[in-house]
PDB file of N, CA and C in Angstrom:
ATOM      1  N   UNK A   1       3.306 -21.710 -20.399  1.00  0.00           N
ATOM      2  CA  UNK A   1       2.724 -20.314 -20.791  1.00  0.00           C
ATOM      3  C   UNK A   1       3.455 -19.656 -21.994  1.00  0.00           C
ATOM      4  N   UNK A   2       2.803 -18.966 -23.050  1.00  0.00           N
ATOM      5  CA  UNK A   2       3.591 -18.285 -23.946  1.00  0.00           C
ATOM      6  C   UNK A   2       4.341 -17.232 -23.492  1.00  0.00           C
ATOM      7  N   UNK A   3       5.774 -17.200 -24.007  1.00  0.00           N
ATOM      8  CA  UNK A   3       6.602 -16.056 -23.635  1.00  0.00           C
ATOM      9  C   UNK A   3       5.928 -14.668 -23.800  1.00  0.00           C
ATOM     10  N   UNK A   4       5.161 -14.342 -24.894  1.00  0.00           N
ATOM     11  CA  UNK A   4       4.818 -13.045 -24.967  1.00  0.00           C
ATOM     12  C   UNK A   4       3.810 -12.671 -24.197  1.00  0.00           C
ATOM     13  N   UNK A   5       2.897 -13.601 -23.580  1.00  0.00           N
ATOM     14  CA  UNK A   5       1.917 -13.488 -22.595  1.00  0.00           C
ATOM     15  C   UNK A   5       2.570 -13.159 -21.265  1.00  0.00           C
ATOM     16  N   UNK A   6       3.801 -13.905 -21.061  1.00  0.00           N
ATOM     17  CA  UNK A   6       4.489 -13.746 -19.808  1.00  0.00           C
ATOM     18  C   UNK A   6       5.029 -12.280 -19.878  1.00  0.00           C
ATOM     19  N   UNK A   7       5.554 -11.739 -21.005  1.00  0.00           N
ATOM     20  CA  UNK A   7       5.971 -10.379 -20.990  1.00  0.00           C
ATOM     21  C   UNK A   7       4.830  -9.473 -20.831  1.00  0.00           C
ATOM     22  N   UNK A   8       3.621  -9.724 -21.391  1.00  0.00           N
ATOM     23  CA  UNK A   8       2.715  -8.828 -20.988  1.00  0.00           C
ATOM     24  C   UNK A   8       2.386  -8.519 -19.519  1.00  0.00           C
ATOM     25  N   UNK A   9       2.098  -9.837 -18.902  1.00  0.00           N
ATOM     26  CA  UNK A   9       1.819  -9.854 -17.467  1.00  0.00           C
ATOM     27  C   UNK A   9       3.096  -9.377 -16.762  1.00  0.00           C
ATOM     28  N   UNK A  10       4.243  -9.461 -17.109  1.00  0.00           N
ATOM     29  CA  UNK A  10       5.233  -8.744 -16.472  1.00  0.00           C
ATOM     30  C   UNK A  10       5.237  -7.234 -16.570  1.00  0.00           C
ATOM     31  N   UNK A  11       4.898  -6.826 -17.637  1.00  0.00           N
ATOM     32  CA  UNK A  11       4.635  -5.215 -17.817  1.00  0.00           C
ATOM     33  C   UNK A  11       3.509  -4.837 -16.848  1.00  0.00           C
ATOM     34  N   UNK A  12       2.389  -5.462 -16.981  1.00  0.00           N
ATOM     35  CA  UNK A  12       1.259  -5.148 -16.104  1.00  0.00           C
ATOM     36  C   UNK A  12       1.646  -5.036 -14.785  1.00  0.00           C
ATOM     37  N   UNK A  13       2.398  -5.957 -14.302  1.00  0.00           N
ATOM     38  CA  UNK A  13       2.744  -5.968 -12.815  1.00  0.00           C
ATOM     39  C   UNK A  13       3.691  -4.701 -12.361  1.00  0.00           C
ATOM     40  N   UNK A  14       4.558  -4.575 -13.337  1.00  0.00           N
ATOM     41  CA  UNK A  14       5.479  -3.430 -13.115  1.00  0.00           C
ATOM     42  C   UNK A  14       4.577  -1.936 -13.076  1.00  0.00           C
ATOM     43  N   UNK A  15       3.807  -1.823 -13.891  1.00  0.00           N
ATOM     44  CA  UNK A  15       2.900  -0.700 -14.028  1.00  0.00           C
ATOM     45  C   UNK A  15       2.136  -0.585 -12.771  1.00  0.00           C
ATOM     46  N   UNK A  16       1.477  -1.773 -12.342  1.00  0.00           N
ATOM     47  CA  UNK A  16       0.745  -1.821 -11.160  1.00  0.00           C
ATOM     48  C   UNK A  16       1.525  -1.326  -9.907  1.00  0.00           C
ATOM     49  N   UNK A  17       2.781  -1.850 -10.083  1.00  0.00           N
ATOM     50  CA  UNK A  17       3.650  -1.504  -8.833  1.00  0.00           C
ATOM     51  C   UNK A  17       3.922  -0.066  -8.793  1.00  0.00           C
ATOM     52  N   UNK A  18       4.103   0.482  -9.897  1.00  0.00           N
ATOM     53  CA  UNK A  18       4.603   2.190  -9.886  1.00  0.00           C
ATOM     54  C   UNK A  18       3.179   2.697  -9.592  1.00  0.00           C
ATOM     55  N   UNK A  19       2.031   2.351 -10.110  1.00  0.00           N
ATOM     56  CA  UNK A  19       0.871   3.042  -9.666  1.00  0.00           C
ATOM     57  C   UNK A  19       0.714   2.870  -8.210  1.00  0.00           C
ATOM     58  N   UNK A  20       0.897   1.896  -7.858  1.00  0.00           N
ATOM     59  CA  UNK A  20       0.810   1.785  -6.096  1.00  0.00           C
ATOM     60  C   UNK A  20       1.638   2.621  -5.333  1.00  0.00           C
ATOM     61  N   UNK A  21       2.928   2.876  -5.932  1.00  0.00           N
ATOM     62  CA  UNK A  21       3.802   3.727  -5.272  1.00  0.00           C
ATOM     63  C   UNK A  21       3.216   5.136  -5.339  1.00  0.00           C
ATOM     64  N   UNK A  22       2.817   5.433  -6.584  1.00  0.00           N
ATOM     65  CA  UNK A  22       2.320   6.856  -6.709  1.00  0.00           C
ATOM     66  C   UNK A  22       0.943   7.096  -5.797  1.00  0.00           C
ATOM     67  N   UNK A  23       0.296   6.134  -5.554  1.00  0.00           N
ATOM     68  CA  UNK A  23      -0.976   6.104  -4.783  1.00  0.00           C
ATOM     69  C   UNK A  23      -0.537   6.521  -3.393  1.00  0.00           C
ATOM     70  N   UNK A  24       0.505   5.753  -2.888  1.00  0.00           N
ATOM     71  CA  UNK A  24       0.942   5.960  -1.381  1.00  0.00           C
ATOM     72  C   UNK A  24       1.728   7.501  -1.438  1.00  0.00           C
ATOM     73  N   UNK A  25       2.341   7.706  -2.260  1.00  0.00           N
ATOM     74  CA  UNK A  25       2.867   9.250  -2.444  1.00  0.00           C
ATOM     75  C   UNK A  25       1.809  10.160  -2.340  1.00  0.00           C
ATOM     76  N   UNK A  26       0.735  10.135  -3.161  1.00  0.00           N
ATOM     77  CA  UNK A  26      -0.453  10.785  -3.092  1.00  0.00           C
ATOM     78  C   UNK A  26      -1.328  10.875  -1.834  1.00  0.00           C
ATOM     79  N   UNK A  27      -1.232   9.845  -1.198  1.00  0.00           N
ATOM     80  CA  UNK A  27      -2.194   9.710   0.224  1.00  0.00           C
ATOM     81  C   UNK A  27      -1.454  10.440   1.279  1.00  0.00           C
ATOM     82  N   UNK A  28      -0.102  10.465   1.190  1.00  0.00           N
ATOM     83  CA  UNK A  28       0.727  11.085   2.308  1.00  0.00           C
ATOM     84  C   UNK A  28       0.958  12.750   2.008  1.00  0.00           C
ATOM     85  N   UNK A  29       0.475  13.182   0.895  1.00  0.00           N
ATOM     86  CA  UNK A  29       0.653  14.552   0.442  1.00  0.00           C
ATOM     87  C   UNK A  29      -0.664  15.306   1.172  1.00  0.00           C
ATOM     88  N   UNK A  30      -0.261  16.571   1.569  1.00  0.00           N
ATOM     89  CA  UNK A  30      -1.298  17.457   1.975  1.00  0.00           C
ATOM     90  C   UNK A  30      -1.854  18.010   0.862  1.00  0.00           C
ATOM     91  N   UNK A  31      -2.963  18.961   1.004  1.00  0.00           N
ATOM     92  CA  UNK A  31      -3.636  19.766   0.005  1.00  0.00           C
ATOM     93  C   UNK A  31      -2.976  20.790  -0.524  1.00  0.00           C
ATOM     94  N   UNK A  32      -1.658  20.951  -0.191  1.00  0.00           N
ATOM     95  CA  UNK A  32      -0.863  22.277  -0.659  1.00  0.00           C
ATOM     96  C   UNK A  32      -0.804  22.172  -2.173  1.00  0.00           C
ATOM     97  N   UNK A  33      -1.264  23.220  -2.860  1.00  0.00           N
ATOM     98  CA  UNK A  33      -1.367  23.187  -4.134  1.00  0.00           C
ATOM     99  C   UNK A  33      -0.020  22.899  -4.850  1.00  0.00           C
ATOM    100  N   UNK A  34       1.044  23.366  -4.439  1.00  0.00           N
ATOM    101  CA  UNK A  34       2.347  23.128  -4.943  1.00  0.00           C
ATOM    102  C   UNK A  34       2.641  21.592  -5.022  1.00  0.00           C
ATOM    103  N   UNK A  35       2.283  20.930  -3.791  1.00  0.00           N
ATOM    104  CA  UNK A  35       2.485  19.511  -3.741  1.00  0.00           C
ATOM    105  C   UNK A  35       1.490  18.732  -4.611  1.00  0.00           C
ATOM    106  N   UNK A  36       0.535  19.072  -4.732  1.00  0.00           N
ATOM    107  CA  UNK A  36      -0.576  18.517  -5.700  1.00  0.00           C
ATOM    108  C   UNK A  36      -0.051  18.608  -7.215  1.00  0.00           C
ATOM    109  N   UNK A  37       0.347  19.880  -7.425  1.00  0.00           N
ATOM    110  CA  UNK A  37       0.952  19.989  -8.870  1.00  0.00           C
ATOM    111  C   UNK A  37       2.308  19.033  -9.188  1.00  0.00           C
ATOM    112  N   UNK A  38       3.065  18.937  -8.147  1.00  0.00           N
ATOM    113  CA  UNK A  38       4.133  18.134  -8.315  1.00  0.00           C
ATOM    114  C   UNK A  38       3.536  16.441  -8.401  1.00  0.00           C
ATOM    115  N   UNK A  39       2.550  16.017  -7.715  1.00  0.00           N
ATOM    116  CA  UNK A  39       2.133  14.672  -7.852  1.00  0.00           C
ATOM    117  C   UNK A  39       1.671  14.625  -9.173  1.00  0.00           C
ATOM    118  N   UNK A  40       0.649  15.535  -9.717  1.00  0.00           N
ATOM    119  CA  UNK A  40       0.229  15.513 -11.155  1.00  0.00           C
ATOM    120  C   UNK A  40       1.295  15.316 -12.094  1.00  0.00           C
ATOM    121  N   UNK A  41       2.424  16.221 -12.065  1.00  0.00           N
ATOM    122  CA  UNK A  41       3.332  16.072 -12.914  1.00  0.00           C
ATOM    123  C   UNK A  41       4.080  14.613 -12.933  1.00  0.00           C
ATOM    124  N   UNK A  42       4.341  14.193 -11.674  1.00  0.00           N
ATOM    125  CA  UNK A  42       4.895  12.849 -11.552  1.00  0.00           C
ATOM    126  C   UNK A  42       3.965  11.797 -12.168  1.00  0.00           C
ATOM    127  N   UNK A  43       2.726  11.808 -11.971  1.00  0.00           N
ATOM    128  CA  UNK A  43       1.846  10.843 -12.556  1.00  0.00           C
ATOM    129  C   UNK A  43       1.908  11.069 -14.161  1.00  0.00           C
ATOM    130  N   UNK A  44       1.957  12.220 -14.678  1.00  0.00           N
ATOM    131  CA  UNK A  44       1.845  12.527 -16.223  1.00  0.00           C
ATOM    132  C   UNK A  44       3.223  11.970 -16.727  1.00  0.00           C
ATOM    133  N   UNK A  45       4.274  12.201 -15.931  1.00  0.00           N
ATOM    134  CA  UNK A  45       5.597  11.539 -16.313  1.00  0.00           C
ATOM    135  C   UNK A  45       5.480  10.238 -16.567  1.00  0.00           C
ATOM    136  N   UNK A  46       4.966   9.492 -15.480  1.00  0.00           N
ATOM    137  CA  UNK A  46       4.836   8.039 -15.652  1.00  0.00           C
ATOM    138  C   UNK A  46       4.099   7.701 -16.722  1.00  0.00           C
ATOM    139  N   UNK A  47       2.945   8.318 -16.740  1.00  0.00           N
ATOM    140  CA  UNK A  47       2.070   7.828 -17.849  1.00  0.00           C
ATOM    141  C   UNK A  47       2.793   7.969 -19.284  1.00  0.00           C
ATOM    142  N   UNK A  48       3.489   9.015 -19.429  1.00  0.00           N
ATOM    143  CA  UNK A  48       4.117   9.230 -20.710  1.00  0.00           C
ATOM    144  C   UNK A  48       5.230   8.249 -20.878  1.00  0.00           C
ATOM    145  N   UNK A  49       5.846   7.873 -19.984  1.00  0.00           N
ATOM    146  CA  UNK A  49       6.951   6.750 -19.948  1.00  0.00           C
ATOM    147  C   UNK A  49       6.416   5.468 -20.329  1.00  0.00           C
ATOM    148  N   UNK A  50       5.258   5.127 -19.711  1.00  0.00           N
ATOM    149  CA  UNK A  50       4.587   3.844 -20.027  1.00  0.00           C
ATOM    150  C   UNK A  50       4.190   3.739 -21.431  1.00  0.00           C
ATOM    151  N   UNK A  51       3.451   4.847 -21.941  1.00  0.00           N
ATOM    152  CA  UNK A  51       3.036   4.984 -23.273  1.00  0.00           C
ATOM    153  C   UNK A  51       4.256   4.926 -24.289  1.00  0.00           C
ATOM    154  N   UNK A  52       5.341   5.471 -23.963  1.00  0.00           N
ATOM    155  CA  UNK A  52       6.381   5.581 -24.840  1.00  0.00           C
ATOM    156  C   UNK A  52       7.026   4.074 -25.120  1.00  0.00           C
ATOM    157  N   UNK A  53       6.989   3.407 -23.914  1.00  0.00           N
ATOM    158  CA  UNK A  53       7.677   2.116 -23.905  1.00  0.00           C
ATOM    159  C   UNK A  53       6.620   0.998 -24.426  1.00  0.00           C
ATOM    160  N   UNK A  54       5.411   1.150 -24.307  1.00  0.00           N
ATOM    161  CA  UNK A  54       4.691   0.092 -24.652  1.00  0.00           C
ATOM    162  C   UNK A  54       4.185   0.365 -26.106  1.00  0.00           C
ATOM    163  N   UNK A  55       4.525  -0.661 -26.908  1.00  0.00           N
ATOM    164  CA  UNK A  55       4.450  -0.518 -28.401  1.00  0.00           C
ATOM    165  C   UNK A  55       3.705  -1.943 -28.943  1.00  0.00           C
ATOM    166  N   UNK A  56       2.702  -1.571 -29.677  1.00  0.00           N
ATOM    167  CA  UNK A  56       1.896  -2.519 -30.314  1.00  0.00           C
ATOM    168  C   UNK A  56       0.708  -3.213 -29.556  1.00  0.00           C
ATOM    169  N   UNK A  57       0.029  -3.946 -30.160  1.00  0.00           N
ATOM    170  CA  UNK A  57      -1.107  -4.609 -29.562  1.00  0.00           C
ATOM    171  C   UNK A  57      -0.794  -5.567 -28.515  1.00  0.00           C
ATOM    172  N   UNK A  58      -1.467  -6.045 -27.530  1.00  0.00           N
ATOM    173  CA  UNK A  58      -2.597  -5.226 -27.085  1.00  0.00           C
ATOM    174  C   UNK A  58      -2.187  -3.684 -26.430  1.00  0.00           C
ATOM    175  N   UNK A  59      -3.048  -3.027 -26.381  1.00  0.00           N
ATOM    176  CA  UNK A  59      -2.780  -1.592 -25.977  1.00  0.00           C
ATOM    177  C   UNK A  59      -2.672  -1.662 -24.411  1.00  0.00           C
ATOM    178  N   UNK A  60      -2.119  -0.567 -23.683  1.00  0.00           N
ATOM    179  CA  UNK A  60      -2.016  -0.666 -22.365  1.00  0.00           C
ATOM    180  C   UNK A  60      -3.661  -0.606 -21.810  1.00  0.00           C
ATOM    181  N   UNK A  61      -4.506   0.140 -22.223  1.00  0.00           N
ATOM    182  CA  UNK A  61      -5.829   0.116 -21.781  1.00  0.00           C
ATOM    183  C   UNK A  61      -6.432  -1.085 -21.892  1.00  0.00           C
ATOM    184  N   UNK A  62      -6.221  -1.783 -23.126  1.00  0.00           N
ATOM    185  CA  UNK A  62      -6.684  -3.283 -23.196  1.00  0.00           C
ATOM    186  C   UNK A  62      -6.358  -4.083 -22.221  1.00  0.00           C
ATOM    187  N   UNK A  63      -5.095  -4.048 -21.716  1.00  0.00           N
ATOM    188  CA  UNK A  63      -4.563  -5.022 -20.841  1.00  0.00           C
ATOM    189  C   UNK A  63      -4.935  -4.687 -19.385  1.00  0.00           C
ATOM    190  N   UNK A  64      -5.032  -3.354 -19.245  1.00  0.00           N
ATOM    191  CA  UNK A  64      -5.604  -2.906 -17.940  1.00  0.00           C
ATOM    192  C   UNK A  64      -7.155  -3.381 -17.704  1.00  0.00           C
ATOM    193  N   UNK A  65      -7.815  -3.105 -18.681  1.00  0.00           N
ATOM    194  CA  UNK A  65      -9.223  -3.649 -18.555  1.00  0.00           C
ATOM    195  C   UNK A  65      -9.306  -5.283 -18.320  1.00  0.00           C
ATOM    196  N   UNK A  66      -8.501  -5.819 -19.201  1.00  0.00           N
ATOM    197  CA  UNK A  66      -8.458  -7.402 -19.161  1.00  0.00           C
ATOM    198  C   UNK A  66      -8.030  -7.755 -17.690  1.00  0.00           C
ATOM    199  N   UNK A  67      -6.966  -7.014 -17.039  1.00  0.00           N
ATOM    200  CA  UNK A  67      -6.564  -7.437 -15.674  1.00  0.00           C
ATOM    201  C   UNK A  67      -7.662  -7.191 -14.618  1.00  0.00           C
ATOM    202  N   UNK A  68      -8.652  -6.271 -14.959  1.00  0.00           N
ATOM    203  CA  UNK A  68      -9.661  -5.902 -14.153  1.00  0.00           C
ATOM    204  C   UNK A  68     -10.937  -6.685 -14.324  1.00  0.00           C
ATOM    205  N   UNK A  69     -10.890  -7.506 -15.354  1.00  0.00           N
ATOM    206  CA  UNK A  69     -12.074  -8.386 -15.497  1.00  0.00           C
ATOM    207  C   UNK A  69     -13.225  -7.581 -16.329  1.00  0.00           C
ATOM    208  N   UNK A  70     -12.833  -6.533 -16.961  1.00  0.00           N
ATOM    209  CA  UNK A  70     -13.891  -5.693 -17.722  1.00  0.00           C
ATOM    210  C   UNK A  70     -14.315  -6.288 -18.881  1.00  0.00           C
ATOM    211  N   UNK A  71     -15.159  -7.294 -18.925  1.00  0.00           N
ATOM    212  CA  UNK A  71     -15.797  -7.859 -20.047  1.00  0.00           C
ATOM    213  C   UNK A  71     -14.777  -8.671 -21.113  1.00  0.00           C
ATOM    214  N   UNK A  72     -13.551  -9.238 -20.583  1.00  0.00           N
ATOM    215  CA  UNK A  72     -12.861  -9.949 -21.466  1.00  0.00           C
ATOM    216  C   UNK A  72     -12.825 -11.277 -21.090  1.00  0.00           C
TER     217      UNK A  72
END
């Protein structure tokens, strides 16, 4: 398998693990507005970090769609 493809798959797996962790955190939170705001801030920080580190083609969105089988 091409090394660049392996790198992309590794990045996708890391992102999916982080998203799963966030989903678990969100599932355990109450509807306390302060906790919800903290969760949103955590998600946005994660999204910003992924976007900052991910450079060039394919885009994060392209790879996410591809991994989910959205017409690729």
